[in-house]
Amino acid sequence: MYGMRAQDNAPATHFRSDRICRINGELYFSTRENTQEGPFENPEQAAREIQAYIERMQNLSARR
């Protein structure tokens, strides 16, 4: 994907990756801020929480 994030100075190529991983058998997702969020009971719950996290981060950016 070619484009700009709000904090980027110039357009760049950004690669999407699988954000969900297992750590000690539990599901977590990683963020651009280098945090691990979780644990979650199943991949569906993790996917819902990823979307909620993205929406929270976008709302925070819009307030600045």
C-alpha atoms as a PDB file:
ATOM      1  CA  MET A   1       0.000   0.000   0.000  1.00  0.00           C
ATOM      2  CA  TYR A   2       1.401   3.397  -0.970  1.00  0.00           C
ATOM      3  CA  GLY A   3       0.272   6.400   1.013  1.00  0.00           C
ATOM      4  CA  MET A   4       0.851   8.722   3.928  1.00  0.00           C
ATOM      5  CA  ARG A   5       0.044   8.374   7.575  1.00  0.00           C
ATOM      6  CA  ALA A   6      -0.707  11.569   9.484  1.00  0.00           C
ATOM      7  CA  GLN A   7       2.733  11.554  11.128  1.00  0.00           C
ATOM      8  CA  ASP A   8       4.695  10.805   7.916  1.00  0.00           C
ATOM      9  CA  ASN A   9       6.709  13.504   6.171  1.00  0.00           C
ATOM     10  CA  ALA A  10       6.449  11.882   2.739  1.00  0.00           C
ATOM     11  CA  PRO A  11       4.508   9.079   1.052  1.00  0.00           C
ATOM     12  CA  ALA A  12       5.933   5.623   1.657  1.00  0.00           C
ATOM     13  CA  THR A  13       5.103   1.986   1.204  1.00  0.00           C
ATOM     14  CA  HIS A  14       3.437   0.419   4.258  1.00  0.00           C
ATOM     15  CA  PHE A  15       2.951  -3.317   4.554  1.00  0.00           C
ATOM     16  CA  ARG A  16       0.092  -4.866   6.466  1.00  0.00           C
ATOM     17  CA  SER A  17       0.878  -7.909   8.522  1.00  0.00           C
ATOM     18  CA  ASP A  18      -1.058 -10.298  10.681  1.00  0.00           C
ATOM     19  CA  ARG A  19      -1.476  -8.428  13.955  1.00  0.00           C
ATOM     20  CA  ILE A  20      -2.693 -11.441  15.934  1.00  0.00           C
ATOM     21  CA  CYS A  21      -0.154 -13.745  17.553  1.00  0.00           C
ATOM     22  CA  ARG A  22      -0.032 -16.378  20.283  1.00  0.00           C
ATOM     23  CA  ILE A  23       2.128 -15.900  23.344  1.00  0.00           C
ATOM     24  CA  ASN A  24       2.176 -18.824  25.766  1.00  0.00           C
ATOM     25  CA  GLY A  25      -0.964 -20.130  24.073  1.00  0.00           C
ATOM     26  CA  GLU A  26      -2.920 -16.877  24.505  1.00  0.00           C
ATOM     27  CA  LEU A  27      -4.016 -14.521  21.692  1.00  0.00           C
ATOM     28  CA  TYR A  28      -2.680 -10.967  21.544  1.00  0.00           C
ATOM     29  CA  PHE A  29      -2.381  -8.304  18.889  1.00  0.00           C
ATOM     30  CA  SER A  30       0.499  -5.936  18.318  1.00  0.00           C
ATOM     31  CA  THR A  31       0.182  -2.216  17.640  1.00  0.00           C
ATOM     32  CA  ARG A  32       2.244   0.390  15.774  1.00  0.00           C
ATOM     33  CA  GLU A  33       3.039   1.794  19.197  1.00  0.00           C
ATOM     34  CA  ASN A  34       4.861  -1.495  19.968  1.00  0.00           C
ATOM     35  CA  THR A  35       2.409  -2.732  22.568  1.00  0.00           C
ATOM     36  CA  GLN A  36       0.834  -6.165  22.932  1.00  0.00           C
ATOM     37  CA  GLU A  37      -2.896  -6.002  23.644  1.00  0.00           C
ATOM     38  CA  GLY A  38      -4.749  -8.964  25.121  1.00  0.00           C
ATOM     39  CA  PRO A  39      -5.111 -11.758  25.967  1.00  0.00           C
ATOM     40  CA  PHE A  40      -8.243 -12.678  24.016  1.00  0.00           C
ATOM     41  CA  GLU A  41     -10.269 -15.881  24.130  1.00  0.00           C
ATOM     42  CA  ASN A  42     -10.569 -16.359  20.354  1.00  0.00           C
ATOM     43  CA  PRO A  43      -9.534 -14.761  17.034  1.00  0.00           C
ATOM     44  CA  GLU A  44     -12.970 -13.157  16.582  1.00  0.00           C
ATOM     45  CA  GLN A  45     -12.716 -11.310  19.890  1.00  0.00           C
ATOM     46  CA  ALA A  46      -9.186 -10.205  18.997  1.00  0.00           C
ATOM     47  CA  ALA A  47     -10.395  -8.900  15.615  1.00  0.00           C
ATOM     48  CA  ARG A  48     -13.188  -6.914  17.297  1.00  0.00           C
ATOM     49  CA  GLU A  49     -10.705  -5.443  19.756  1.00  0.00           C
ATOM     50  CA  ILE A  50      -8.311  -4.519  16.941  1.00  0.00           C
ATOM     51  CA  GLN A  51     -11.091  -2.528  15.285  1.00  0.00           C
ATOM     52  CA  ALA A  52     -12.013  -0.863  18.577  1.00  0.00           C
ATOM     53  CA  TYR A  53      -8.347   0.010  19.193  1.00  0.00           C
ATOM     54  CA  ILE A  54      -8.010   1.553  15.720  1.00  0.00           C
ATOM     55  CA  GLU A  55     -11.148   3.643  16.283  1.00  0.00           C
ATOM     56  CA  ARG A  56      -9.842   4.852  19.669  1.00  0.00           C
ATOM     57  CA  MET A  57      -6.511   5.857  18.136  1.00  0.00           C
ATOM     58  CA  GLN A  58      -8.221   7.686  15.273  1.00  0.00           C
ATOM     59  CA  ASN A  59     -10.426   9.576  17.740  1.00  0.00           C
ATOM     60  CA  LEU A  60      -7.361  10.597  19.742  1.00  0.00           C
ATOM     61  CA  SER A  61      -5.653  11.871  16.574  1.00  0.00           C
ATOM     62  CA  ALA A  62      -8.742  13.835  15.547  1.00  0.00           C
ATOM     63  CA  ARG A  63      -8.779  15.643  18.910  1.00  0.00           C
ATOM     64  CA  ARG A  64      -5.222  16.984  18.487  1.00  0.00           C
END
